[in-house]
Amino acid sequence: MKTIQLPIDEKTIKTLKAGEMALLSGKLITGRDQAHLRFTEALNKHKKLPVAIKGQTIYYVGPTPAKSGEVIGSCGPTTSRRMDAFSPLLIKNGLKTMIGKGGRSKEVIKAIKKHKGVYFITIGGAGAYLAKRVKSARIIAYPELGPEAVSELEIRDFPVITAIDSRGKSIF
């Protein structure tokens, strides 16, 4: 199993193969449907995004509220196809890595291959386990979206599987 430090570099992305397991550590951002819609609207209007996405990893998650003494609540992955309408534009604008669950559209796979990105999946139904891998969490954009706000998470040994590699090979 590979260990990967975020932000992920292009050299590491090139070494990943569909089906490989890895542990991610470092910082990433979160975002779901509404955040993706807002990012896309801003890019289409040539406006600056509230967070830098170039070289970034985004985790499709809407965590539950943290209990007293916890960093974050349950934080299992969201179905990635919900972001497929927005992902090609974000990938074109520098997003390198996505984490979610489930397959992706042909358009997303094409964008991943063209722009040399990678799509990871993680364990659906294991939100409490994944929360233990989050060392810090803070909202960085769109706080009014509640659980769908964009947050920055610092993760350690976060388990993923390379679902679509930079060559467009997929486990699906």
N, C-alpha and C. Protein backbone atom coordinates (compact mmCIF):
# COMPACT_ATOMS: atom_id res chain seq x y z
N MET A 1 0.84 -1.17 0.00
CA MET A 1 0.00 0.00 0.00
C MET A 1 0.89 1.24 0.00
N LYS A 2 0.55 2.19 -0.87
CA LYS A 2 1.32 3.42 -0.96
C LYS A 2 0.88 4.39 0.13
N THR A 3 1.82 5.22 0.56
CA THR A 3 1.49 6.35 1.41
C THR A 3 1.74 7.60 0.57
N ILE A 4 0.79 8.50 0.58
CA ILE A 4 0.84 9.68 -0.28
C ILE A 4 0.63 10.92 0.57
N GLN A 5 1.51 11.90 0.37
CA GLN A 5 1.41 13.18 1.05
C GLN A 5 0.65 14.15 0.16
N LEU A 6 -0.33 14.84 0.73
CA LEU A 6 -1.07 15.87 0.01
C LEU A 6 -0.45 17.22 0.30
N PRO A 7 -0.41 18.16 -0.64
CA PRO A 7 -0.97 18.02 -1.97
C PRO A 7 -0.18 17.03 -2.81
N ILE A 8 -0.89 16.29 -3.62
CA ILE A 8 -0.28 15.25 -4.44
C ILE A 8 0.45 15.91 -5.61
N ASP A 9 1.60 15.38 -5.96
CA ASP A 9 2.35 15.95 -7.09
C ASP A 9 2.12 15.11 -8.34
N GLU A 10 2.46 15.68 -9.48
CA GLU A 10 2.21 15.01 -10.77
C GLU A 10 3.02 13.72 -10.90
N LYS A 11 4.21 13.69 -10.34
CA LYS A 11 5.03 12.48 -10.39
C LYS A 11 4.31 11.32 -9.70
N THR A 12 3.74 11.60 -8.53
CA THR A 12 3.01 10.56 -7.79
C THR A 12 1.76 10.14 -8.56
N ILE A 13 1.04 11.11 -9.11
CA ILE A 13 -0.17 10.79 -9.88
C ILE A 13 0.16 9.81 -11.00
N LYS A 14 1.26 10.04 -11.70
CA LYS A 14 1.65 9.17 -12.83
C LYS A 14 1.94 7.74 -12.38
N THR A 15 2.35 7.55 -11.12
CA THR A 15 2.69 6.20 -10.66
C THR A 15 1.47 5.39 -10.24
N LEU A 16 0.35 6.06 -10.01
CA LEU A 16 -0.84 5.36 -9.51
C LEU A 16 -1.52 4.55 -10.60
N LYS A 17 -1.98 3.37 -10.22
CA LYS A 17 -2.68 2.49 -11.16
C LYS A 17 -4.04 2.13 -10.58
N ALA A 18 -5.02 2.05 -11.45
CA ALA A 18 -6.38 1.69 -11.03
C ALA A 18 -6.33 0.41 -10.21
N GLY A 19 -7.00 0.43 -9.07
CA GLY A 19 -7.06 -0.72 -8.18
C GLY A 19 -6.07 -0.66 -7.02
N GLU A 20 -5.09 0.22 -7.08
CA GLU A 20 -4.11 0.35 -6.00
C GLU A 20 -4.71 1.02 -4.77
N MET A 21 -4.33 0.52 -3.61
CA MET A 21 -4.75 1.13 -2.35
C MET A 21 -3.66 2.07 -1.87
N ALA A 22 -4.09 3.12 -1.15
CA ALA A 22 -3.14 4.09 -0.62
C ALA A 22 -3.69 4.69 0.67
N LEU A 23 -2.78 5.29 1.42
CA LEU A 23 -3.14 6.06 2.61
C LEU A 23 -2.72 7.50 2.35
N LEU A 24 -3.67 8.42 2.44
CA LEU A 24 -3.40 9.83 2.20
C LEU A 24 -3.20 10.57 3.51
N SER A 25 -2.25 11.49 3.52
CA SER A 25 -2.02 12.37 4.67
C SER A 25 -1.76 13.77 4.15
N GLY A 26 -2.23 14.77 4.88
CA GLY A 26 -2.04 16.15 4.48
C GLY A 26 -3.36 16.89 4.49
N LYS A 27 -3.42 17.98 3.72
CA LYS A 27 -4.62 18.81 3.69
C LYS A 27 -5.37 18.66 2.37
N LEU A 28 -6.69 18.69 2.49
CA LEU A 28 -7.57 18.66 1.33
C LEU A 28 -8.76 19.54 1.61
N ILE A 29 -9.59 19.76 0.58
CA ILE A 29 -10.82 20.51 0.78
C ILE A 29 -12.01 19.58 0.59
N THR A 30 -13.15 20.00 1.12
CA THR A 30 -14.38 19.24 0.95
C THR A 30 -15.33 20.04 0.06
N GLY A 31 -16.25 19.35 -0.55
CA GLY A 31 -17.25 20.03 -1.35
C GLY A 31 -18.23 19.04 -1.95
N ARG A 32 -19.49 19.45 -1.98
CA ARG A 32 -20.53 18.63 -2.58
C ARG A 32 -21.27 19.44 -3.63
N ASP A 33 -22.47 19.04 -3.95
CA ASP A 33 -23.25 19.60 -5.04
C ASP A 33 -23.30 21.13 -5.06
N GLN A 34 -23.74 21.72 -3.96
CA GLN A 34 -23.93 23.16 -3.94
C GLN A 34 -22.61 23.93 -4.06
N ALA A 35 -21.56 23.44 -3.44
CA ALA A 35 -20.25 24.08 -3.58
C ALA A 35 -19.76 23.96 -5.02
N HIS A 36 -19.95 22.80 -5.63
CA HIS A 36 -19.54 22.62 -7.03
C HIS A 36 -20.32 23.55 -7.96
N LEU A 37 -21.61 23.70 -7.70
CA LEU A 37 -22.42 24.61 -8.50
C LEU A 37 -21.88 26.03 -8.39
N ARG A 38 -21.57 26.46 -7.18
CA ARG A 38 -21.05 27.81 -6.98
C ARG A 38 -19.67 27.99 -7.61
N PHE A 39 -18.81 26.99 -7.49
CA PHE A 39 -17.50 27.06 -8.15
C PHE A 39 -17.68 27.23 -9.66
N THR A 40 -18.54 26.41 -10.23
CA THR A 40 -18.77 26.43 -11.68
C THR A 40 -19.34 27.77 -12.13
N GLU A 41 -20.31 28.28 -11.40
CA GLU A 41 -20.89 29.59 -11.74
C GLU A 41 -19.82 30.68 -11.71
N ALA A 42 -18.97 30.66 -10.70
CA ALA A 42 -17.90 31.65 -10.59
C ALA A 42 -16.92 31.53 -11.77
N LEU A 43 -16.51 30.31 -12.09
CA LEU A 43 -15.57 30.12 -13.20
C LEU A 43 -16.18 30.57 -14.52
N ASN A 44 -17.45 30.25 -14.72
CA ASN A 44 -18.12 30.66 -15.96
C ASN A 44 -18.25 32.17 -16.09
N LYS A 45 -18.24 32.88 -14.95
CA LYS A 45 -18.31 34.34 -14.95
C LYS A 45 -16.92 34.97 -14.82
N HIS A 46 -15.87 34.12 -14.91
CA HIS A 46 -14.48 34.56 -14.81
C HIS A 46 -14.19 35.26 -13.49
N LYS A 47 -14.85 34.77 -12.42
CA LYS A 47 -14.61 35.30 -11.08
C LYS A 47 -13.63 34.39 -10.34
N LYS A 48 -12.99 34.97 -9.35
CA LYS A 48 -12.04 34.22 -8.53
C LYS A 48 -12.81 33.31 -7.57
N LEU A 49 -12.34 32.09 -7.41
CA LEU A 49 -12.95 31.16 -6.47
C LEU A 49 -12.53 31.51 -5.04
N PRO A 50 -13.37 31.18 -4.06
CA PRO A 50 -13.02 31.49 -2.67
C PRO A 50 -11.91 30.61 -2.12
N VAL A 51 -11.55 29.55 -2.84
CA VAL A 51 -10.45 28.66 -2.47
C VAL A 51 -9.66 28.31 -3.72
N ALA A 52 -8.38 28.09 -3.57
CA ALA A 52 -7.55 27.69 -4.71
C ALA A 52 -7.81 26.22 -5.01
N ILE A 53 -8.09 25.90 -6.27
CA ILE A 53 -8.31 24.49 -6.63
C ILE A 53 -7.15 23.90 -7.43
N LYS A 54 -6.25 24.73 -7.89
CA LYS A 54 -5.13 24.23 -8.67
C LYS A 54 -4.27 23.30 -7.82
N GLY A 55 -4.12 22.06 -8.29
CA GLY A 55 -3.33 21.06 -7.59
C GLY A 55 -4.02 20.48 -6.37
N GLN A 56 -5.27 20.83 -6.16
CA GLN A 56 -6.01 20.49 -4.95
C GLN A 56 -6.65 19.09 -5.02
N THR A 57 -6.91 18.55 -3.84
CA THR A 57 -7.70 17.33 -3.66
C THR A 57 -9.00 17.74 -3.02
N ILE A 58 -10.11 17.24 -3.56
CA ILE A 58 -11.42 17.53 -2.99
C ILE A 58 -12.08 16.21 -2.58
N TYR A 59 -12.64 16.22 -1.40
CA TYR A 59 -13.36 15.06 -0.85
C TYR A 59 -14.84 15.38 -0.88
N TYR A 60 -15.61 14.54 -1.54
CA TYR A 60 -17.05 14.71 -1.63
C TYR A 60 -17.67 14.21 -0.33
N VAL A 61 -17.94 15.13 0.57
CA VAL A 61 -18.44 14.74 1.89
C VAL A 61 -19.26 15.89 2.48
N GLY A 62 -20.27 15.53 3.24
CA GLY A 62 -21.05 16.47 4.02
C GLY A 62 -21.09 15.93 5.43
N PRO A 63 -20.08 16.21 6.23
CA PRO A 63 -19.97 15.59 7.55
C PRO A 63 -21.12 15.97 8.49
N THR A 64 -21.38 15.07 9.41
CA THR A 64 -22.35 15.36 10.46
C THR A 64 -21.67 16.27 11.49
N PRO A 65 -22.45 16.94 12.31
CA PRO A 65 -21.84 17.80 13.34
C PRO A 65 -20.95 16.99 14.29
N ALA A 66 -19.87 17.61 14.69
CA ALA A 66 -18.95 16.97 15.64
C ALA A 66 -19.55 16.95 17.03
N LYS A 67 -19.38 15.85 17.73
CA LYS A 67 -19.78 15.77 19.13
C LYS A 67 -18.69 16.44 19.97
N SER A 68 -19.01 16.76 21.19
CA SER A 68 -18.06 17.40 22.08
C SER A 68 -16.76 16.59 22.14
N GLY A 69 -15.64 17.26 21.93
CA GLY A 69 -14.34 16.62 22.00
C GLY A 69 -13.88 16.00 20.69
N GLU A 70 -14.73 16.00 19.67
CA GLU A 70 -14.36 15.44 18.37
C GLU A 70 -14.00 16.55 17.40
N VAL A 71 -13.16 16.21 16.42
CA VAL A 71 -12.76 17.15 15.39
C VAL A 71 -13.88 17.32 14.36
N ILE A 72 -14.54 16.22 14.03
CA ILE A 72 -15.54 16.20 12.97
C ILE A 72 -16.51 15.06 13.29
N GLY A 73 -17.71 15.16 12.78
CA GLY A 73 -18.65 14.05 12.91
C GLY A 73 -18.40 13.01 11.85
N SER A 74 -19.30 12.08 11.73
CA SER A 74 -19.19 11.04 10.71
C SER A 74 -18.97 11.69 9.35
N CYS A 75 -18.02 11.16 8.58
CA CYS A 75 -17.68 11.82 7.31
C CYS A 75 -17.40 10.81 6.20
N GLY A 76 -18.43 10.05 5.88
CA GLY A 76 -18.32 9.10 4.77
C GLY A 76 -18.49 9.80 3.44
N PRO A 77 -18.04 9.15 2.36
CA PRO A 77 -18.08 9.77 1.03
C PRO A 77 -19.50 9.88 0.46
N THR A 78 -19.68 10.90 -0.34
CA THR A 78 -20.91 11.12 -1.09
C THR A 78 -20.76 10.50 -2.47
N THR A 79 -21.86 10.08 -3.07
CA THR A 79 -21.86 9.53 -4.42
C THR A 79 -21.31 10.57 -5.39
N SER A 80 -20.25 10.20 -6.08
CA SER A 80 -19.51 11.14 -6.92
C SER A 80 -20.25 11.58 -8.17
N ARG A 81 -21.10 10.75 -8.72
CA ARG A 81 -21.82 11.12 -9.95
C ARG A 81 -22.60 12.42 -9.78
N ARG A 82 -22.93 12.76 -8.56
CA ARG A 82 -23.66 14.01 -8.33
C ARG A 82 -22.82 15.22 -8.69
N MET A 83 -21.50 15.07 -8.76
CA MET A 83 -20.61 16.17 -9.11
C MET A 83 -20.15 16.11 -10.57
N ASP A 84 -20.59 15.10 -11.31
CA ASP A 84 -20.09 14.90 -12.68
C ASP A 84 -20.37 16.06 -13.63
N ALA A 85 -21.48 16.75 -13.46
CA ALA A 85 -21.79 17.88 -14.34
C ALA A 85 -20.79 19.03 -14.15
N PHE A 86 -20.18 19.10 -12.98
CA PHE A 86 -19.29 20.21 -12.65
C PHE A 86 -17.80 19.85 -12.75
N SER A 87 -17.48 18.58 -12.59
CA SER A 87 -16.08 18.15 -12.46
C SER A 87 -15.19 18.45 -13.66
N PRO A 88 -15.63 18.23 -14.91
CA PRO A 88 -14.71 18.53 -16.02
C PRO A 88 -14.19 19.96 -16.02
N LEU A 89 -15.04 20.94 -15.72
CA LEU A 89 -14.58 22.33 -15.68
C LEU A 89 -13.60 22.55 -14.54
N LEU A 90 -13.85 21.95 -13.39
CA LEU A 90 -12.93 22.10 -12.26
C LEU A 90 -11.59 21.43 -12.56
N ILE A 91 -11.64 20.27 -13.18
CA ILE A 91 -10.40 19.57 -13.55
C ILE A 91 -9.62 20.42 -14.56
N LYS A 92 -10.31 20.97 -15.53
CA LYS A 92 -9.67 21.84 -16.53
C LYS A 92 -8.98 23.03 -15.86
N ASN A 93 -9.55 23.49 -14.74
CA ASN A 93 -9.00 24.63 -14.03
C ASN A 93 -8.02 24.25 -12.92
N GLY A 94 -7.55 23.00 -12.93
CA GLY A 94 -6.45 22.63 -12.05
C GLY A 94 -6.73 21.63 -10.95
N LEU A 95 -8.01 21.27 -10.70
CA LEU A 95 -8.29 20.26 -9.69
C LEU A 95 -7.62 18.96 -10.11
N LYS A 96 -6.84 18.35 -9.21
CA LYS A 96 -6.08 17.15 -9.58
C LYS A 96 -6.67 15.86 -9.05
N THR A 97 -7.24 15.91 -7.86
CA THR A 97 -7.65 14.67 -7.21
C THR A 97 -9.03 14.83 -6.60
N MET A 98 -9.83 13.78 -6.75
CA MET A 98 -11.17 13.75 -6.16
C MET A 98 -11.31 12.46 -5.37
N ILE A 99 -12.06 12.53 -4.27
CA ILE A 99 -12.33 11.36 -3.44
C ILE A 99 -13.84 11.27 -3.24
N GLY A 100 -14.40 10.11 -3.50
CA GLY A 100 -15.83 9.91 -3.30
C GLY A 100 -16.15 8.43 -3.27
N LYS A 101 -17.33 8.09 -3.81
CA LYS A 101 -17.69 6.69 -3.96
C LYS A 101 -18.46 6.54 -5.26
N GLY A 102 -18.31 5.37 -5.87
CA GLY A 102 -19.04 5.07 -7.10
C GLY A 102 -18.31 5.50 -8.35
N GLY A 103 -18.88 5.09 -9.48
CA GLY A 103 -18.30 5.37 -10.79
C GLY A 103 -18.48 6.81 -11.23
N ARG A 104 -17.83 7.14 -12.33
CA ARG A 104 -17.88 8.49 -12.91
C ARG A 104 -18.31 8.42 -14.36
N SER A 105 -18.76 9.55 -14.88
CA SER A 105 -19.21 9.62 -16.27
C SER A 105 -18.03 9.56 -17.23
N LYS A 106 -18.33 9.30 -18.49
CA LYS A 106 -17.30 9.28 -19.54
C LYS A 106 -16.62 10.65 -19.65
N GLU A 107 -17.38 11.72 -19.45
CA GLU A 107 -16.82 13.07 -19.55
C GLU A 107 -15.79 13.32 -18.44
N VAL A 108 -16.07 12.85 -17.25
CA VAL A 108 -15.13 13.02 -16.14
C VAL A 108 -13.88 12.18 -16.39
N ILE A 109 -14.05 10.95 -16.84
CA ILE A 109 -12.89 10.09 -17.13
C ILE A 109 -12.03 10.74 -18.21
N LYS A 110 -12.65 11.28 -19.23
CA LYS A 110 -11.92 11.96 -20.31
C LYS A 110 -11.12 13.15 -19.76
N ALA A 111 -11.73 13.94 -18.87
CA ALA A 111 -11.05 15.09 -18.28
C ALA A 111 -9.89 14.65 -17.38
N ILE A 112 -10.10 13.60 -16.60
CA ILE A 112 -9.03 13.07 -15.75
C ILE A 112 -7.83 12.67 -16.61
N LYS A 113 -8.11 11.96 -17.69
CA LYS A 113 -7.04 11.50 -18.58
C LYS A 113 -6.34 12.69 -19.27
N LYS A 114 -7.11 13.62 -19.79
CA LYS A 114 -6.54 14.76 -20.51
C LYS A 114 -5.67 15.64 -19.61
N HIS A 115 -6.12 15.85 -18.37
CA HIS A 115 -5.42 16.77 -17.47
C HIS A 115 -4.58 16.05 -16.40
N LYS A 116 -4.43 14.74 -16.57
CA LYS A 116 -3.57 13.93 -15.70
C LYS A 116 -3.93 14.06 -14.23
N GLY A 117 -5.17 13.72 -13.92
CA GLY A 117 -5.64 13.72 -12.54
C GLY A 117 -5.84 12.30 -12.05
N VAL A 118 -6.55 12.16 -10.95
CA VAL A 118 -6.84 10.84 -10.39
C VAL A 118 -8.12 10.93 -9.57
N TYR A 119 -8.87 9.83 -9.58
CA TYR A 119 -10.08 9.73 -8.77
C TYR A 119 -9.93 8.56 -7.83
N PHE A 120 -10.05 8.87 -6.55
CA PHE A 120 -9.99 7.85 -5.51
C PHE A 120 -11.40 7.57 -4.99
N ILE A 121 -11.60 6.36 -4.52
CA ILE A 121 -12.81 6.05 -3.76
C ILE A 121 -12.38 5.67 -2.36
N THR A 122 -13.31 5.84 -1.43
CA THR A 122 -13.07 5.40 -0.07
C THR A 122 -14.30 4.63 0.40
N ILE A 123 -14.25 4.19 1.62
CA ILE A 123 -15.21 3.21 2.15
C ILE A 123 -16.56 3.85 2.46
N GLY A 124 -17.57 3.52 1.66
CA GLY A 124 -18.92 3.97 1.95
C GLY A 124 -19.44 3.25 3.19
N GLY A 125 -20.21 3.94 4.00
CA GLY A 125 -20.77 3.32 5.20
C GLY A 125 -19.82 3.26 6.38
N ALA A 126 -18.66 3.90 6.24
CA ALA A 126 -17.66 3.86 7.32
C ALA A 126 -17.31 5.27 7.78
N GLY A 127 -18.30 6.14 7.83
CA GLY A 127 -18.07 7.54 8.18
C GLY A 127 -17.45 7.75 9.54
N ALA A 128 -17.85 6.95 10.53
CA ALA A 128 -17.28 7.08 11.87
C ALA A 128 -15.80 6.69 11.87
N TYR A 129 -15.47 5.63 11.15
CA TYR A 129 -14.07 5.20 11.02
C TYR A 129 -13.24 6.29 10.32
N LEU A 130 -13.75 6.82 9.21
CA LEU A 130 -13.01 7.84 8.46
C LEU A 130 -12.82 9.11 9.28
N ALA A 131 -13.79 9.44 10.14
CA ALA A 131 -13.67 10.64 10.99
C ALA A 131 -12.44 10.55 11.89
N LYS A 132 -12.07 9.35 12.28
CA LYS A 132 -10.90 9.17 13.14
C LYS A 132 -9.60 9.50 12.40
N ARG A 133 -9.65 9.58 11.09
CA ARG A 133 -8.49 9.91 10.26
C ARG A 133 -8.35 11.41 10.03
N VAL A 134 -9.35 12.18 10.50
CA VAL A 134 -9.33 13.64 10.33
C VAL A 134 -8.75 14.26 11.59
N LYS A 135 -7.67 15.00 11.43
CA LYS A 135 -6.95 15.59 12.57
C LYS A 135 -7.36 17.04 12.84
N SER A 136 -7.86 17.73 11.81
CA SER A 136 -8.38 19.09 12.01
C SER A 136 -9.38 19.38 10.90
N ALA A 137 -10.31 20.29 11.19
CA ALA A 137 -11.34 20.68 10.22
C ALA A 137 -11.72 22.12 10.48
N ARG A 138 -11.81 22.89 9.39
CA ARG A 138 -12.28 24.27 9.52
C ARG A 138 -12.97 24.68 8.23
N ILE A 139 -14.07 25.39 8.38
CA ILE A 139 -14.82 25.88 7.22
C ILE A 139 -14.04 27.02 6.58
N ILE A 140 -13.89 26.96 5.24
CA ILE A 140 -13.13 27.99 4.54
C ILE A 140 -13.94 28.74 3.48
N ALA A 141 -15.14 28.24 3.14
CA ALA A 141 -15.99 28.93 2.15
C ALA A 141 -17.43 28.46 2.28
N TYR A 142 -18.34 29.36 1.96
CA TYR A 142 -19.78 29.08 1.92
C TYR A 142 -20.32 28.50 3.23
N PRO A 143 -20.07 29.13 4.37
CA PRO A 143 -20.55 28.60 5.64
C PRO A 143 -22.07 28.46 5.70
N GLU A 144 -22.77 29.28 4.92
CA GLU A 144 -24.23 29.22 4.90
C GLU A 144 -24.76 27.90 4.36
N LEU A 145 -23.91 27.09 3.74
CA LEU A 145 -24.33 25.79 3.21
C LEU A 145 -24.36 24.70 4.27
N GLY A 146 -24.00 25.04 5.50
CA GLY A 146 -24.04 24.05 6.58
C GLY A 146 -23.10 22.89 6.29
N PRO A 147 -23.61 21.64 6.30
CA PRO A 147 -22.73 20.49 6.07
C PRO A 147 -22.10 20.47 4.68
N GLU A 148 -22.69 21.25 3.75
CA GLU A 148 -22.13 21.31 2.40
C GLU A 148 -21.14 22.46 2.23
N ALA A 149 -20.83 23.17 3.30
CA ALA A 149 -19.82 24.23 3.24
C ALA A 149 -18.49 23.61 2.82
N VAL A 150 -17.63 24.42 2.25
CA VAL A 150 -16.30 23.95 1.88
C VAL A 150 -15.42 24.05 3.13
N SER A 151 -14.82 22.94 3.48
CA SER A 151 -13.92 22.89 4.63
C SER A 151 -12.53 22.47 4.20
N GLU A 152 -11.56 22.80 5.03
CA GLU A 152 -10.22 22.27 4.86
C GLU A 152 -10.04 21.22 5.96
N LEU A 153 -9.67 20.03 5.54
CA LEU A 153 -9.41 18.94 6.48
C LEU A 153 -7.94 18.59 6.44
N GLU A 154 -7.39 18.33 7.61
CA GLU A 154 -6.07 17.71 7.67
C GLU A 154 -6.31 16.26 8.03
N ILE A 155 -5.81 15.37 7.16
CA ILE A 155 -6.05 13.93 7.34
C ILE A 155 -4.73 13.20 7.55
N ARG A 156 -4.82 12.04 8.19
CA ARG A 156 -3.65 11.20 8.37
C ARG A 156 -4.05 9.75 8.14
N ASP A 157 -3.33 9.10 7.24
CA ASP A 157 -3.56 7.68 6.91
C ASP A 157 -5.02 7.42 6.53
N PHE A 158 -5.52 8.25 5.63
CA PHE A 158 -6.90 8.16 5.16
C PHE A 158 -6.93 7.13 4.02
N PRO A 159 -7.68 6.03 4.18
CA PRO A 159 -7.62 4.94 3.20
C PRO A 159 -8.42 5.23 1.92
N VAL A 160 -7.78 5.00 0.78
CA VAL A 160 -8.42 5.18 -0.53
C VAL A 160 -7.97 4.07 -1.48
N ILE A 161 -8.74 3.94 -2.55
CA ILE A 161 -8.39 3.05 -3.65
C ILE A 161 -8.38 3.91 -4.91
N THR A 162 -7.36 3.75 -5.74
CA THR A 162 -7.31 4.46 -7.01
C THR A 162 -8.38 3.84 -7.91
N ALA A 163 -9.43 4.59 -8.18
CA ALA A 163 -10.54 4.09 -8.98
C ALA A 163 -10.35 4.41 -10.46
N ILE A 164 -9.84 5.61 -10.75
CA ILE A 164 -9.53 6.01 -12.13
C ILE A 164 -8.16 6.66 -12.11
N ASP A 165 -7.24 6.09 -12.86
CA ASP A 165 -5.88 6.64 -12.87
C ASP A 165 -5.71 7.68 -13.97
N SER A 166 -4.53 8.26 -14.03
CA SER A 166 -4.27 9.36 -14.97
C SER A 166 -4.26 8.92 -16.43
N ARG A 167 -4.28 7.63 -16.68
CA ARG A 167 -4.35 7.10 -18.04
C ARG A 167 -5.80 6.80 -18.43
N GLY A 168 -6.73 7.03 -17.51
CA GLY A 168 -8.14 6.79 -17.78
C GLY A 168 -8.59 5.38 -17.50
N LYS A 169 -7.72 4.57 -16.93
CA LYS A 169 -8.08 3.20 -16.56
C LYS A 169 -8.96 3.25 -15.32
N SER A 170 -10.02 2.42 -15.32
CA SER A 170 -11.00 2.46 -14.25
C SER A 170 -11.23 1.07 -13.67
N ILE A 171 -11.56 1.03 -12.39
CA ILE A 171 -11.92 -0.25 -11.77
C ILE A 171 -13.38 -0.58 -12.01
N PHE A 172 -14.14 0.35 -12.57
CA PHE A 172 -15.57 0.13 -12.76
C PHE A 172 -15.87 -0.52 -14.11
